[in-house]
Amino acid sequence: AAPGGAPGAERPPPPPRSAGPGALPVPPARKLLCMCSLSLCLTYLCYSLMGGAGPAALRSPAAPPGSAAPRSPGSPPGTAGAPAASAAPTRAANGSREAAAAGAWPRTPLAPGEAIAAQSGAFERDPQESSTTDEELSRAGSPGGRGGGGSTTPDYGEKRLPQALIIGVKKGGTRALLEAIRAHPDVRAVGTEPHFFDRNYDRGLEWYRNVMPKTLDGQITMEKTPSYFVTNEAPRRIHSMAKDTKLIVVVRNPVTRAISDYTQTLSKKPEIPTFEVLAFKNRTLGLIDASWSAIRIGIYALHLENWLQYFPLSQILFVSGERLITDPAGEMAKVQDFLGLKRIVTEKHFYFNKTKGFPCLKKPEDSSAPRCLGKSKGRTHPKIDPDVIHRLRKFYKPFNVMFYQMTGQDFKWEQEESDK
């Protein structure tokens, strides 16, 4: 759809595209089918013995009965938008494709004793956290609001829909990436998380456009909302807005990411159970609880499968959250190349803060103090039982290998863990 089109005006998604010449070889269809059949047989056997919920529990819960479809911009309040009236055949087609993908993606059987335990229909026990409030979004979208990069938002220019999005992942390093790319003069990015494609889609594209900062010709408009990556509807909605949108995903060792996620929640809710309690359905049997969002988000291959139904790998850049700390200039060079920008953000823009444990931004042209991320970043992680970490590593390993194959990139998370 054209950038000015309504969110409700959906079209059937294009067929899956090739991962490109850089991707690793994909197994032949017959071999893949055998692997899937073997994986499902082993999973059902484990659950028949242990009384588990079965692989169907990995699928997202259905929409609650009576929930209304998103309202198109301009539709009167209380009136369902186009999706409710005209998208039944599309949804049926999508459902069959998604069902096929759900049955195909777990190609590698889990390690013995590391079966996934997830209650059907209870896929996410806690909502995605966000520091963005409606009041902040209102300020960003107001005529005098500041939503762009740099020090001030100009009064000239035009508000445009974003051409690039940072779509994930939570606790992967998305805020650090956003602040670094905002140092580029040809990038304007809203500082708050709009959550348009997951929570505010019914407000319409004009509301979304109004949240964006003003830009001049040649500048790129961006935003970040990490929960997009794990939102089933987000790929279709973004593709409907602009099929050439560039997507950036910051990924991190899923075990470390899960602990960081828990640490953030613990800082706000000290009364929650321990990490060990939340991570397992049954500690004795080693049943990992994939219904807990802190665990589920790190199954990157599962979520990427959905995005590849709508976007080719050439439009998705995967940034290493680890290298964003150890070599921020190197990762930012890749980001600027991906966005078609001149490499202006370089090593001169970064200063490593030993106290916080990650780089801080500085202006190379002056001697002012470096600007570091807030107190909510770089929290000290609680001590986790080494056996729990070992079990989580075994749980994630087959999914990590699958993710490496899908992206054509080896993030070496297993090597990182063996070096510790």
Protein backbone atom coordinates (compact mmCIF):
# COMPACT_ATOMS: atom_id res chain seq x y z
CA ALA A 1 0.00 0.00 0.00
CA ALA A 2 1.05 3.60 -0.56
CA PRO A 3 2.45 5.37 2.52
CA GLY A 4 -0.74 7.38 2.82
CA GLY A 5 -2.98 4.31 2.75
CA ALA A 6 -5.11 3.22 5.65
CA PRO A 7 -3.93 0.40 7.92
CA GLY A 8 -7.09 -1.52 7.24
CA ALA A 9 -6.49 -1.69 3.49
CA GLU A 10 -4.67 -4.97 3.47
CA ARG A 11 -3.56 -7.09 0.56
CA PRO A 12 -2.48 -10.70 0.46
CA PRO A 13 1.22 -10.92 1.38
CA PRO A 14 3.78 -11.83 -1.28
CA PRO A 15 5.19 -15.34 -1.35
CA PRO A 16 8.30 -16.00 0.77
CA ARG A 17 11.43 -14.67 -0.89
CA SER A 18 14.87 -16.07 -1.23
CA ALA A 19 17.25 -15.37 1.62
CA GLY A 20 19.87 -14.19 -0.89
CA PRO A 21 23.31 -15.42 -1.91
CA GLY A 22 24.81 -14.85 1.53
CA ALA A 23 22.52 -17.26 3.33
CA LEU A 24 23.64 -20.69 4.40
CA PRO A 25 22.23 -23.65 2.37
CA VAL A 26 18.74 -24.81 3.33
CA PRO A 27 18.11 -28.57 3.55
CA PRO A 28 16.13 -30.16 0.69
CA ALA A 29 12.38 -30.29 1.15
CA ARG A 30 12.28 -34.07 1.66
CA LYS A 31 15.02 -33.95 4.28
CA LEU A 32 13.29 -31.03 6.01
CA LEU A 33 10.00 -32.94 6.07
CA CYS A 34 11.70 -35.95 7.64
CA MET A 35 13.35 -33.75 10.25
CA CYS A 36 10.01 -32.10 11.10
CA SER A 37 8.27 -35.47 11.38
CA LEU A 38 11.00 -36.82 13.62
CA SER A 39 10.92 -33.68 15.77
CA LEU A 40 7.14 -33.85 16.20
CA CYS A 41 7.22 -37.58 16.97
CA LEU A 42 9.86 -37.09 19.65
CA THR A 43 7.99 -34.12 21.11
CA TYR A 44 4.67 -35.98 21.30
CA LEU A 45 6.42 -38.99 22.79
CA CYS A 46 7.98 -36.82 25.51
CA TYR A 47 4.69 -35.18 26.34
CA SER A 48 2.77 -38.44 26.32
CA LEU A 49 5.18 -39.63 29.01
CA MET A 50 5.36 -36.37 30.96
CA GLY A 51 1.83 -35.09 30.51
CA GLY A 52 2.94 -31.87 28.73
CA ALA A 53 0.89 -29.54 26.62
CA GLY A 54 2.40 -30.44 23.24
CA PRO A 55 3.91 -28.19 20.56
CA ALA A 56 0.60 -26.49 19.87
CA ALA A 57 1.30 -24.44 22.98
CA LEU A 58 4.08 -22.61 21.13
CA ARG A 59 1.53 -20.98 18.89
CA SER A 60 0.15 -17.56 19.71
CA PRO A 61 -3.24 -17.46 21.45
CA ALA A 62 -6.27 -16.76 19.35
CA ALA A 63 -7.90 -13.37 19.56
CA PRO A 64 -10.47 -13.24 22.39
CA PRO A 65 -14.08 -13.77 21.35
CA GLY A 66 -15.82 -10.57 20.45
CA SER A 67 -12.64 -8.57 19.84
CA ALA A 68 -13.09 -5.96 17.14
CA ALA A 69 -10.86 -5.53 14.14
CA PRO A 70 -8.76 -2.35 13.97
CA ARG A 71 -10.75 0.67 12.83
CA SER A 72 -9.54 2.35 9.65
CA PRO A 73 -8.66 6.05 9.78
CA GLY A 74 -11.76 8.05 9.09
CA SER A 75 -14.14 5.29 10.16
CA PRO A 76 -16.73 6.40 12.72
CA PRO A 77 -16.10 5.27 16.33
CA GLY A 78 -17.44 1.81 17.02
CA THR A 79 -17.27 0.82 13.35
CA ALA A 80 -14.98 -2.01 12.38
CA GLY A 81 -12.47 -1.26 9.66
CA ALA A 82 -11.79 -3.05 6.43
CA PRO A 83 -10.10 -6.08 8.01
CA ALA A 84 -13.37 -7.19 9.63
CA ALA A 85 -15.40 -6.76 6.46
CA SER A 86 -13.17 -7.88 3.64
CA ALA A 87 -10.19 -9.81 4.95
CA ALA A 88 -11.79 -13.19 5.67
CA PRO A 89 -10.25 -14.92 2.61
CA THR A 90 -6.91 -13.28 3.34
CA ARG A 91 -7.00 -14.43 6.95
CA ALA A 92 -7.85 -17.94 5.85
CA ALA A 93 -4.90 -17.96 3.49
CA ASN A 94 -2.66 -16.49 6.15
CA GLY A 95 -3.87 -19.04 8.66
CA SER A 96 -2.97 -21.97 6.43
CA ARG A 97 0.47 -20.52 5.73
CA GLU A 98 1.10 -19.73 9.39
CA ALA A 99 -0.02 -23.22 10.38
CA ALA A 100 2.43 -24.69 7.91
CA ALA A 101 5.22 -22.45 9.20
CA ALA A 102 4.41 -23.35 12.80
CA GLY A 103 4.73 -27.02 11.98
CA ALA A 104 7.93 -26.55 10.01
CA TRP A 105 10.09 -24.24 12.07
CA PRO A 106 11.23 -26.58 14.92
CA ARG A 107 13.49 -28.55 12.57
CA THR A 108 16.03 -29.50 15.23
CA PRO A 109 14.86 -31.68 18.14
CA LEU A 110 15.52 -30.30 21.59
CA ALA A 111 18.20 -31.80 23.78
CA PRO A 112 16.98 -34.74 25.89
CA GLY A 113 15.04 -33.61 28.92
CA GLU A 114 14.71 -30.03 27.61
CA ALA A 115 11.17 -30.28 26.31
CA ILE A 116 9.21 -27.07 26.14
CA ALA A 117 6.33 -26.82 28.57
CA ALA A 118 3.80 -24.13 27.71
CA GLN A 119 0.14 -23.96 28.62
CA SER A 120 -2.06 -23.69 25.57
CA GLY A 121 -3.59 -20.24 25.30
CA ALA A 122 -1.29 -18.79 27.99
CA PHE A 123 1.60 -17.88 25.75
CA GLU A 124 2.58 -14.64 27.43
CA ARG A 125 2.09 -14.23 31.15
CA ASP A 126 3.29 -10.65 31.38
CA PRO A 127 2.80 -7.83 28.87
CA GLN A 128 5.62 -6.16 27.02
CA GLU A 129 7.01 -3.38 29.15
CA SER A 130 7.49 0.08 27.74
CA SER A 131 8.58 3.40 29.14
CA THR A 132 6.33 5.21 26.67
CA THR A 133 3.06 6.66 27.91
CA ASP A 134 0.13 8.18 26.02
CA GLU A 135 1.10 11.56 27.47
CA GLU A 136 4.61 11.28 26.03
CA LEU A 137 3.23 10.27 22.63
CA SER A 138 0.87 13.24 22.72
CA ARG A 139 3.78 15.56 23.45
CA ALA A 140 5.82 14.01 20.64
CA GLY A 141 2.96 14.51 18.20
CA SER A 142 2.10 18.05 19.31
CA PRO A 143 3.27 21.02 17.21
CA GLY A 144 5.84 22.00 19.83
CA GLY A 145 6.83 18.48 20.80
CA ARG A 146 10.33 17.17 20.34
CA GLY A 147 10.60 13.80 18.73
CA GLY A 148 13.61 13.89 16.51
CA GLY A 149 17.31 13.25 16.67
CA GLY A 150 19.97 15.77 17.53
CA SER A 151 19.50 18.53 20.06
CA THR A 152 16.35 20.22 18.76
CA THR A 153 13.51 19.51 16.37
CA PRO A 154 13.32 22.09 13.56
CA ASP A 155 10.15 24.07 12.93
CA TYR A 156 10.60 23.50 9.21
CA GLY A 157 10.33 20.34 7.19
CA GLU A 158 7.59 17.77 6.86
CA LYS A 159 6.35 14.92 9.02
CA ARG A 160 6.70 11.63 7.19
CA LEU A 161 6.02 7.99 7.89
CA PRO A 162 9.24 6.18 8.86
CA GLN A 163 11.40 4.61 6.18
CA ALA A 164 13.29 2.46 8.72
CA LEU A 165 12.25 0.77 11.97
CA ILE A 166 14.15 -0.76 14.87
CA ILE A 167 11.79 -3.65 15.57
CA GLY A 168 13.61 -5.56 18.31
CA VAL A 169 14.54 -7.12 20.50
CA LYS A 170 13.67 -6.05 24.02
CA LYS A 171 16.79 -5.81 26.24
CA GLY A 172 18.97 -6.39 23.19
CA GLY A 173 20.48 -2.89 22.94
CA THR A 174 17.83 -1.05 20.93
CA ARG A 175 18.03 2.16 22.99
CA ALA A 176 21.81 2.33 22.59
CA LEU A 177 21.44 1.83 18.82
CA LEU A 178 18.73 4.49 18.55
CA GLU A 179 20.77 7.08 20.46
CA ALA A 180 23.84 6.35 18.34
CA ILE A 181 22.04 6.62 14.99
CA ARG A 182 20.33 9.83 16.12
CA ALA A 183 23.79 11.40 16.20
CA HIS A 184 23.77 11.23 12.41
CA PRO A 185 22.61 14.53 10.85
CA ASP A 186 20.60 12.73 8.15
CA VAL A 187 18.50 10.75 10.64
CA ARG A 188 15.50 12.03 12.57
CA ALA A 189 14.01 9.57 15.07
CA VAL A 190 11.22 9.83 17.60
CA GLY A 191 12.58 9.25 21.10
CA THR A 192 9.48 7.57 22.52
CA GLU A 193 8.22 4.15 21.47
CA PRO A 194 5.03 4.69 19.42
CA HIS A 195 3.87 1.04 19.63
CA PHE A 196 1.78 1.75 16.54
CA PHE A 197 1.91 -1.68 14.92
CA ASP A 198 1.07 -3.56 18.11
CA ARG A 199 -1.02 -1.37 20.45
CA ASN A 200 -2.09 1.79 18.62
CA TYR A 201 -2.87 0.51 15.12
CA ASP A 202 -6.53 1.52 15.41
CA ARG A 203 -5.47 5.18 15.70
CA GLY A 204 -4.57 5.24 12.03
CA LEU A 205 -1.59 6.26 9.91
CA GLU A 206 -2.24 9.98 10.30
CA TRP A 207 -1.83 9.67 14.08
CA TYR A 208 1.37 7.68 13.48
CA ARG A 209 2.69 10.27 11.02
CA ASN A 210 1.96 13.07 13.50
CA VAL A 211 4.10 11.36 16.17
CA MET A 212 7.13 11.51 13.86
CA PRO A 213 9.62 14.40 13.82
CA LYS A 214 9.83 16.83 10.91
CA THR A 215 12.41 15.98 8.28
CA LEU A 216 13.92 17.61 5.23
CA ASP A 217 14.37 15.97 1.84
CA GLY A 218 17.19 13.44 2.05
CA GLN A 219 16.74 12.77 5.78
CA ILE A 220 15.49 9.42 7.08
CA THR A 221 12.64 9.14 9.58
CA MET A 222 12.99 6.31 12.12
CA GLU A 223 11.40 4.91 15.25
CA LYS A 224 12.02 1.97 17.58
CA THR A 225 9.54 -0.33 19.28
CA PRO A 226 11.22 -3.62 20.32
CA SER A 227 7.96 -5.50 20.81
CA TYR A 228 7.24 -5.40 17.06
CA PHE A 229 9.57 -8.36 16.50
CA VAL A 230 7.41 -10.68 18.61
CA THR A 231 4.03 -9.29 17.47
CA ASN A 232 2.39 -11.61 14.93
CA GLU A 233 0.46 -8.84 13.16
CA ALA A 234 3.38 -6.40 12.87
CA PRO A 235 5.01 -7.74 9.65
CA ARG A 236 1.73 -7.65 7.71
CA ARG A 237 0.85 -4.18 9.00
CA ILE A 238 4.27 -2.71 8.23
CA HIS A 239 4.25 -4.28 4.77
CA SER A 240 0.81 -2.74 4.19
CA MET A 241 2.22 0.70 5.11
CA ALA A 242 5.32 0.45 2.89
CA LYS A 243 6.72 -2.79 1.55
CA ASP A 244 10.20 -1.26 1.10
CA THR A 245 10.58 -0.37 4.80
CA LYS A 246 14.03 -1.22 6.17
CA LEU A 247 14.04 -3.24 9.39
CA ILE A 248 16.75 -3.42 12.06
CA VAL A 249 16.85 -6.14 14.72
CA VAL A 250 19.33 -6.00 17.61
CA VAL A 251 19.86 -9.54 18.89
CA ARG A 252 21.73 -10.74 21.96
CA ASN A 253 22.60 -14.08 23.55
CA PRO A 254 19.07 -15.23 24.52
CA VAL A 255 20.19 -16.49 27.95
CA THR A 256 21.74 -13.15 28.88
CA ARG A 257 18.78 -11.34 27.34
CA ALA A 258 16.30 -13.33 29.46
CA ILE A 259 18.21 -12.53 32.67
CA SER A 260 18.36 -8.85 31.72
CA ASP A 261 14.62 -8.89 31.01
CA TYR A 262 13.96 -10.41 34.44
CA THR A 263 16.28 -7.87 36.09
CA GLN A 264 14.29 -4.99 34.62
CA THR A 265 11.01 -6.43 35.87
CA LEU A 266 12.51 -7.17 39.28
CA SER A 267 13.55 -3.53 39.67
CA LYS A 268 9.90 -2.50 39.26
CA LYS A 269 8.25 -5.45 41.03
CA PRO A 270 10.55 -6.73 43.81
CA GLU A 271 7.89 -9.17 44.96
CA ILE A 272 8.00 -11.39 41.86
CA PRO A 273 9.30 -14.99 42.18
CA THR A 274 12.92 -15.85 41.50
CA PHE A 275 14.23 -16.31 37.98
CA GLU A 276 14.63 -20.04 38.62
CA VAL A 277 10.95 -20.40 39.58
CA LEU A 278 9.71 -18.50 36.53
CA ALA A 279 12.01 -20.24 34.03
CA PHE A 280 10.72 -23.77 34.67
CA LYS A 281 7.41 -25.56 34.57
CA ASN A 282 9.05 -28.46 36.37
CA ARG A 283 12.60 -27.98 37.64
CA THR A 284 13.12 -31.69 38.35
CA LEU A 285 12.15 -32.76 34.82
CA GLY A 286 13.95 -29.80 33.26
CA LEU A 287 10.80 -28.47 31.56
CA ILE A 288 11.55 -24.92 30.38
CA ASP A 289 8.52 -22.61 30.53
CA ALA A 290 8.38 -21.02 27.07
CA SER A 291 5.10 -19.30 27.96
CA TRP A 292 7.14 -16.79 29.98
CA SER A 293 7.88 -13.89 27.63
CA ALA A 294 11.44 -13.52 28.98
CA ILE A 295 12.14 -17.01 27.57
CA ARG A 296 9.95 -16.87 24.47
CA ILE A 297 11.39 -13.62 23.07
CA GLY A 298 14.79 -15.31 22.75
CA ILE A 299 13.50 -17.99 20.35
CA TYR A 300 14.49 -15.71 17.49
CA ALA A 301 13.99 -18.28 14.73
CA LEU A 302 10.31 -18.60 15.63
CA HIS A 303 9.66 -14.87 15.26
CA LEU A 304 11.86 -14.40 12.19
CA GLU A 305 9.86 -17.05 10.32
CA ASN A 306 6.87 -14.68 10.44
CA TRP A 307 8.83 -11.68 9.12
CA LEU A 308 10.28 -13.62 6.19
CA GLN A 309 6.75 -14.19 4.90
CA TYR A 310 6.60 -10.46 4.11
CA PHE A 311 10.15 -9.11 3.83
CA PRO A 312 13.32 -10.47 2.16
CA LEU A 313 16.51 -10.76 4.20
CA SER A 314 17.97 -7.92 2.14
CA GLN A 315 15.60 -5.54 3.96
CA ILE A 316 16.47 -6.81 7.45
CA LEU A 317 19.71 -5.96 9.26
CA PHE A 318 20.69 -8.01 12.31
CA VAL A 319 22.89 -6.08 14.74
CA SER A 320 24.88 -7.90 17.42
CA GLY A 321 24.03 -6.57 20.86
CA GLU A 322 27.38 -7.87 22.14
CA ARG A 323 29.41 -6.12 19.43
CA LEU A 324 27.38 -2.97 19.96
CA ILE A 325 29.15 -2.85 23.35
CA THR A 326 32.63 -4.09 22.39
CA ASP A 327 32.82 -2.44 18.95
CA PRO A 328 30.06 0.18 18.64
CA ALA A 329 31.74 1.99 15.74
CA GLY A 330 31.97 -1.24 13.74
CA GLU A 331 28.30 -2.07 14.22
CA MET A 332 27.26 1.51 13.48
CA ALA A 333 29.22 1.36 10.21
CA LYS A 334 27.02 -1.59 9.16
CA VAL A 335 23.87 0.28 10.19
CA GLN A 336 24.83 3.41 8.24
CA ASP A 337 25.69 1.33 5.15
CA PHE A 338 22.36 -0.50 5.43
CA LEU A 339 20.46 2.81 5.58
CA GLY A 340 22.43 4.24 2.67
CA LEU A 341 24.07 6.90 4.83
CA LYS A 342 27.56 8.32 4.82
CA ARG A 343 29.66 6.92 7.68
CA ILE A 344 29.60 9.92 9.99
CA VAL A 345 29.08 8.15 13.36
CA THR A 346 32.53 6.66 13.99
CA GLU A 347 34.81 5.65 16.87
CA LYS A 348 35.23 9.36 17.69
CA HIS A 349 31.61 9.40 18.90
CA PHE A 350 32.10 6.74 21.60
CA TYR A 351 33.71 6.59 25.02
CA PHE A 352 33.67 3.35 27.03
CA ASN A 353 32.38 3.88 30.56
CA LYS A 354 34.02 1.24 32.75
CA THR A 355 31.60 1.89 35.62
CA LYS A 356 28.47 1.25 33.54
CA GLY A 357 30.12 -1.36 31.34
CA PHE A 358 29.04 0.03 28.00
CA PRO A 359 29.93 2.87 25.61
CA CYS A 360 28.69 6.42 26.02
CA LEU A 361 28.14 8.95 23.25
CA LYS A 362 30.19 12.11 22.91
CA LYS A 363 30.45 14.93 20.40
CA PRO A 364 33.83 14.72 18.68
CA GLU A 365 33.90 18.50 18.05
CA ASP A 366 33.79 19.57 21.70
CA SER A 367 35.10 18.53 25.10
CA SER A 368 31.76 18.21 26.90
CA ALA A 369 31.12 15.19 29.11
CA PRO A 370 30.02 11.99 27.30
CA ARG A 371 26.27 11.33 27.31
CA CYS A 372 25.48 7.91 28.78
CA LEU A 373 22.23 5.99 28.89
CA GLY A 374 20.09 6.37 32.01
CA LYS A 375 20.20 4.52 35.31
CA SER A 376 17.77 1.92 33.96
CA LYS A 377 20.52 0.63 31.64
CA GLY A 378 23.40 -1.52 32.85
CA ARG A 379 21.69 -2.87 35.97
CA THR A 380 23.59 -5.50 37.95
CA HIS A 381 22.08 -8.92 37.22
CA PRO A 382 21.04 -11.14 40.13
CA LYS A 383 23.05 -14.30 40.74
CA ILE A 384 21.46 -17.22 38.88
CA ASP A 385 22.00 -20.91 39.68
CA PRO A 386 24.63 -22.20 37.20
CA ASP A 387 22.53 -25.32 36.58
CA VAL A 388 19.64 -23.13 35.42
CA ILE A 389 21.92 -21.26 33.02
CA HIS A 390 23.27 -24.59 31.72
CA ARG A 391 19.76 -25.90 31.05
CA LEU A 392 18.77 -22.67 29.30
CA ARG A 393 21.83 -22.88 27.07
CA LYS A 394 20.86 -26.41 26.04
CA PHE A 395 17.30 -25.26 25.46
CA TYR A 396 18.26 -22.37 23.19
CA LYS A 397 21.08 -24.08 21.27
CA PRO A 398 18.99 -25.74 18.50
CA PHE A 399 17.01 -22.54 18.01
CA ASN A 400 20.20 -20.47 17.83
CA VAL A 401 21.64 -22.80 15.19
CA MET A 402 18.42 -22.47 13.20
CA PHE A 403 18.59 -18.68 13.51
CA TYR A 404 22.18 -18.70 12.22
CA GLN A 405 21.03 -20.74 9.23
CA MET A 406 18.08 -18.46 8.47
CA THR A 407 20.14 -15.26 8.64
CA GLY A 408 23.39 -16.56 7.22
CA GLN A 409 25.20 -15.11 10.26
CA ASP A 410 26.92 -16.91 13.13
CA PHE A 411 26.64 -14.84 16.32
CA LYS A 412 28.86 -17.34 18.18
CA TRP A 413 26.76 -17.36 21.35
CA GLU A 414 27.79 -20.93 22.11
CA GLN A 415 31.46 -20.05 21.75
CA GLU A 416 30.95 -17.05 24.03
CA GLU A 417 29.46 -19.30 26.72
CA SER A 418 32.25 -21.88 26.47
CA ASP A 419 34.83 -19.12 26.96
CA LYS A 420 33.32 -18.09 30.29
